[in-house]
Amino acid sequence: MTDRLSIADIRRRLAHVRWIAGGAGAGKSTVTRALAERHDVLVYDGDRAELGYVHRCDPRRQPYLWTLLRTPTEDRWASRTAEEIFHAMPSLHGETFGFVLDDLLALPADRSVLVDDFRTLPREVAPLLTRPGHAVFLLPTPEFRARALGDRFADPARARANWGNGDHAVALAKRLARDRLWDEEVRRQARELELPVLSVDGSRGVADLATELAAMFQLVR
């Protein structure tokens, strides 16, 4: 769908969309849920939506995603360094953003939509914003992320689903290192494009953060 629309057309049609992106483990989904409960907005969950990208993946247009989908889960982490994993991320190469836009354009436009998507980069969303404050990038401190992901993958079944049957401690270390590289890229792009970045260290409650974002996003109760 986006192939037939100009950037100006997409910006106009997605003027009701607000973006919450950034780094893994920053609490994006938690604050998105809080905003949705307060303001009766729709939520686009990037993690859930990713399942639908599989059947829309084209090896010519999304070569990194195509390769990733055909790599055994364990090999995605065990056989590569954190730097190699980072540079092979489909989202780093803009391969997933078109799917997001197509999905958003298919949603009703009579309510605000919050996009909760780790994969969205500042350079992708900046041309679509009617004002810079309609997107924010949450970046956790290393300590906050280590606690969040340590808790998330303490469940062996969840760890196996993400990393296979290899050494989960090694896989987690690579995941944390990869995510630091992603944060650096997000921060660099956001700085160049003058888009807001919020550091998350656990010192602020979800309610306070949701209040700040609601004002930034111009959401109405």
Protein backbone atom coordinates (compact mmCIF):
# COMPACT_ATOMS: atom_id res chain seq x y z
CA MET A 1 0.00 0.00 0.00
CA THR A 2 2.73 2.47 0.96
CA ASP A 3 4.35 2.07 -2.47
CA ARG A 4 1.42 3.99 -3.96
CA LEU A 5 1.46 6.85 -1.45
CA SER A 6 3.73 9.85 -1.02
CA ILE A 7 5.33 10.68 2.32
CA ALA A 8 2.94 13.64 2.60
CA ASP A 9 -0.04 11.35 2.06
CA ILE A 10 1.15 8.88 4.69
CA ARG A 11 1.85 11.72 7.15
CA ARG A 12 -1.67 13.07 6.66
CA ARG A 13 -3.33 9.67 7.02
CA LEU A 14 -1.32 8.78 10.14
CA ALA A 15 -1.67 12.12 11.91
CA HIS A 16 -3.61 10.34 14.68
CA VAL A 17 -0.71 7.94 15.41
CA ARG A 18 1.74 8.34 18.29
CA TRP A 19 4.95 6.31 18.52
CA ILE A 20 6.64 4.70 21.53
CA ALA A 21 9.89 3.07 20.45
CA GLY A 22 13.43 2.69 21.78
CA GLY A 23 15.26 -0.11 23.55
CA ALA A 24 14.18 -3.51 24.82
CA GLY A 25 13.36 -3.71 28.51
CA ALA A 26 12.51 -0.01 28.86
CA GLY A 27 8.87 -0.61 29.80
CA LYS A 28 7.33 0.50 26.50
CA SER A 29 4.48 -1.99 26.68
CA THR A 30 3.73 -1.17 30.31
CA VAL A 31 3.42 2.57 29.74
CA THR A 32 1.49 1.97 26.51
CA ARG A 33 -1.08 -0.09 28.41
CA ALA A 34 -1.38 2.66 31.02
CA LEU A 35 -2.01 5.28 28.33
CA ALA A 36 -4.54 3.06 26.57
CA GLU A 37 -6.50 2.58 29.79
CA ARG A 38 -6.55 6.30 30.52
CA HIS A 39 -7.29 7.64 27.06
CA ASP A 40 -9.26 4.95 25.22
CA VAL A 41 -6.81 4.67 22.34
CA LEU A 42 -5.99 1.77 20.06
CA VAL A 43 -2.65 0.00 20.52
CA TYR A 44 -0.47 -1.42 17.77
CA ASP A 45 1.69 -4.07 19.46
CA GLY A 46 4.80 -4.53 17.33
CA ASP A 47 5.75 -7.84 18.95
CA ARG A 48 2.39 -9.40 18.16
CA ALA A 49 2.26 -7.86 14.71
CA GLU A 50 5.66 -9.35 13.87
CA LEU A 51 4.04 -12.77 13.56
CA GLY A 52 2.16 -11.46 10.54
CA TYR A 53 5.32 -10.27 8.82
CA VAL A 54 6.42 -13.85 8.24
CA HIS A 55 3.90 -14.54 5.49
CA ARG A 56 4.50 -11.15 3.84
CA CYS A 57 8.29 -11.45 3.73
CA ASP A 58 9.87 -11.28 0.27
CA PRO A 59 13.51 -12.43 -0.13
CA ARG A 60 14.23 -9.58 -2.54
CA ARG A 61 12.73 -6.80 -0.42
CA GLN A 62 13.51 -8.20 3.05
CA PRO A 63 16.68 -10.30 2.61
CA TYR A 64 17.80 -10.01 6.26
CA LEU A 65 14.38 -11.01 7.57
CA TRP A 66 14.14 -13.84 5.04
CA THR A 67 17.50 -15.20 6.18
CA LEU A 68 16.63 -14.80 9.86
CA LEU A 69 13.38 -16.73 9.49
CA ARG A 70 15.28 -19.63 7.94
CA THR A 71 18.00 -19.76 10.59
CA PRO A 72 17.46 -22.19 13.49
CA THR A 73 16.72 -20.36 16.73
CA GLU A 74 19.86 -21.57 18.48
CA ASP A 75 22.11 -20.60 15.56
CA ARG A 76 20.81 -17.03 15.56
CA TRP A 77 22.70 -16.44 18.81
CA ALA A 78 25.24 -19.20 19.39
CA SER A 79 27.16 -18.91 16.15
CA ARG A 80 27.55 -15.11 15.98
CA THR A 81 28.96 -12.24 18.00
CA ALA A 82 26.74 -9.49 19.39
CA GLU A 83 28.05 -7.14 16.69
CA GLU A 84 27.17 -9.62 13.95
CA ILE A 85 23.71 -10.12 15.40
CA PHE A 86 23.18 -6.35 15.56
CA HIS A 87 24.28 -5.74 11.97
CA ALA A 88 22.00 -8.54 10.75
CA MET A 89 18.88 -7.11 12.41
CA PRO A 90 16.17 -6.66 9.73
CA SER A 91 14.89 -3.52 11.47
CA LEU A 92 18.34 -1.89 11.27
CA HIS A 93 17.99 -2.10 7.49
CA GLY A 94 14.43 -0.79 7.44
CA GLU A 95 12.89 -4.09 6.42
CA THR A 96 10.00 -4.16 8.90
CA PHE A 97 8.79 -0.56 8.85
CA GLY A 98 6.81 -0.98 5.65
CA PHE A 99 4.80 -3.74 7.32
CA VAL A 100 4.05 -1.41 10.23
CA LEU A 101 2.84 1.35 7.93
CA ASP A 102 0.61 -1.00 5.95
CA ASP A 103 -0.93 -2.28 9.18
CA LEU A 104 -1.51 1.24 10.53
CA LEU A 105 -3.08 2.47 7.29
CA ALA A 106 -5.54 -0.41 7.49
CA LEU A 107 -6.74 0.59 10.98
CA PRO A 108 -9.67 2.95 11.66
CA ALA A 109 -8.55 6.59 11.81
CA ASP A 110 -11.27 7.86 14.17
CA ARG A 111 -9.23 7.18 17.33
CA SER A 112 -5.66 7.83 18.34
CA VAL A 113 -3.30 4.89 17.89
CA LEU A 114 -0.27 4.18 20.06
CA VAL A 115 2.49 2.22 18.34
CA ASP A 116 4.53 0.11 20.75
CA ASP A 117 7.38 -1.07 18.55
CA PHE A 118 10.99 -1.80 19.44
CA ARG A 119 11.91 -2.01 15.74
CA THR A 120 11.02 1.56 14.72
CA LEU A 121 14.00 3.85 14.18
CA PRO A 122 13.99 7.66 14.40
CA ARG A 123 14.98 8.06 10.74
CA GLU A 124 11.93 6.06 9.67
CA VAL A 125 9.31 7.84 11.71
CA ALA A 126 10.65 11.42 11.56
CA PRO A 127 9.30 12.23 8.05
CA LEU A 128 5.80 11.09 9.12
CA LEU A 129 5.40 13.26 12.22
CA THR A 130 3.22 16.36 12.26
CA ARG A 131 5.27 17.46 15.30
CA PRO A 132 8.42 15.98 16.92
CA GLY A 133 6.62 15.27 20.19
CA HIS A 134 4.41 12.66 18.56
CA ALA A 135 7.22 10.11 18.90
CA VAL A 136 9.37 9.23 21.87
CA PHE A 137 12.24 6.79 22.29
CA LEU A 138 12.63 5.11 25.67
CA LEU A 139 16.15 3.88 26.41
CA PRO A 140 16.84 1.91 29.60
CA THR A 141 20.01 2.22 31.59
CA PRO A 142 22.21 -0.89 31.37
CA GLU A 143 21.36 -1.80 34.98
CA PHE A 144 17.61 -1.44 34.46
CA ARG A 145 17.70 -3.54 31.28
CA ALA A 146 19.81 -6.26 32.87
CA ARG A 147 17.25 -6.62 35.65
CA ALA A 148 14.29 -6.50 33.23
CA LEU A 149 15.66 -9.07 30.79
CA GLY A 150 17.06 -11.23 33.58
CA ASP A 151 13.55 -11.46 35.03
CA ARG A 152 11.97 -11.95 31.60
CA PHE A 153 14.17 -14.89 30.67
CA ALA A 154 14.37 -16.49 34.09
CA ASP A 155 11.67 -18.84 32.83
CA PRO A 156 13.59 -21.67 31.08
CA ALA A 157 10.77 -22.25 28.59
CA ARG A 158 10.80 -18.62 27.51
CA ALA A 159 14.58 -18.65 27.25
CA ARG A 160 14.50 -21.79 25.07
CA ALA A 161 11.86 -20.23 22.83
CA ASN A 162 14.18 -17.29 22.18
CA TRP A 163 17.61 -18.92 22.24
CA GLY A 164 17.20 -22.65 21.73
CA ASN A 165 18.96 -25.20 23.90
CA GLY A 166 22.37 -23.57 24.12
CA ASP A 167 23.92 -21.75 27.07
CA HIS A 168 21.25 -19.22 28.06
CA ALA A 169 23.65 -17.16 30.16
CA VAL A 170 25.88 -16.65 27.11
CA ALA A 171 22.85 -15.85 24.95
CA LEU A 172 21.61 -13.27 27.47
CA ALA A 173 25.02 -11.60 27.54
CA LYS A 174 24.97 -11.36 23.74
CA ARG A 175 21.41 -10.03 23.83
CA LEU A 176 22.39 -7.29 26.28
CA ALA A 177 25.42 -6.37 24.16
CA ARG A 178 23.33 -6.29 20.99
CA ASP A 179 20.73 -4.10 22.66
CA ARG A 180 23.41 -1.63 23.77
CA LEU A 181 24.41 -1.25 20.14
CA TRP A 182 20.77 -0.73 19.15
CA ASP A 183 20.40 1.94 21.85
CA GLU A 184 23.47 3.76 20.55
CA GLU A 185 22.00 3.82 17.04
CA VAL A 186 18.61 5.03 18.26
CA ARG A 187 20.19 7.74 20.39
CA ARG A 188 22.41 8.93 17.54
CA GLN A 189 19.54 9.16 15.07
CA ALA A 190 17.20 10.83 17.57
CA ARG A 191 19.84 13.42 18.42
CA GLU A 192 20.42 14.26 14.75
CA LEU A 193 16.68 14.51 14.07
CA GLU A 194 15.90 16.34 17.35
CA LEU A 195 13.39 13.73 18.49
CA PRO A 196 12.78 13.16 22.22
CA VAL A 197 14.62 10.43 24.12
CA LEU A 198 13.76 9.48 27.70
CA SER A 199 16.16 7.52 29.89
CA VAL A 200 14.51 4.83 32.01
CA ASP A 201 16.22 3.79 35.23
CA GLY A 202 13.27 2.74 37.39
CA SER A 203 13.23 5.90 39.49
CA ARG A 204 9.91 7.08 38.00
CA GLY A 205 6.62 5.30 38.30
CA VAL A 206 4.57 4.21 35.31
CA ALA A 207 1.80 6.67 36.18
CA ASP A 208 4.16 9.65 36.12
CA LEU A 209 5.72 8.58 32.84
CA ALA A 210 2.30 8.04 31.30
CA THR A 211 1.24 11.53 32.37
CA GLU A 212 4.30 13.06 30.71
CA LEU A 213 3.77 11.12 27.49
CA ALA A 214 0.06 11.95 27.38
CA ALA A 215 0.93 15.66 27.48
CA MET A 216 3.64 15.19 24.86
CA PHE A 217 1.29 13.23 22.62
CA GLN A 218 -1.59 15.68 23.18
CA LEU A 219 -3.92 12.89 24.24
CA VAL A 220 -7.28 13.95 25.64
CA ARG A 221 -8.98 12.16 28.52
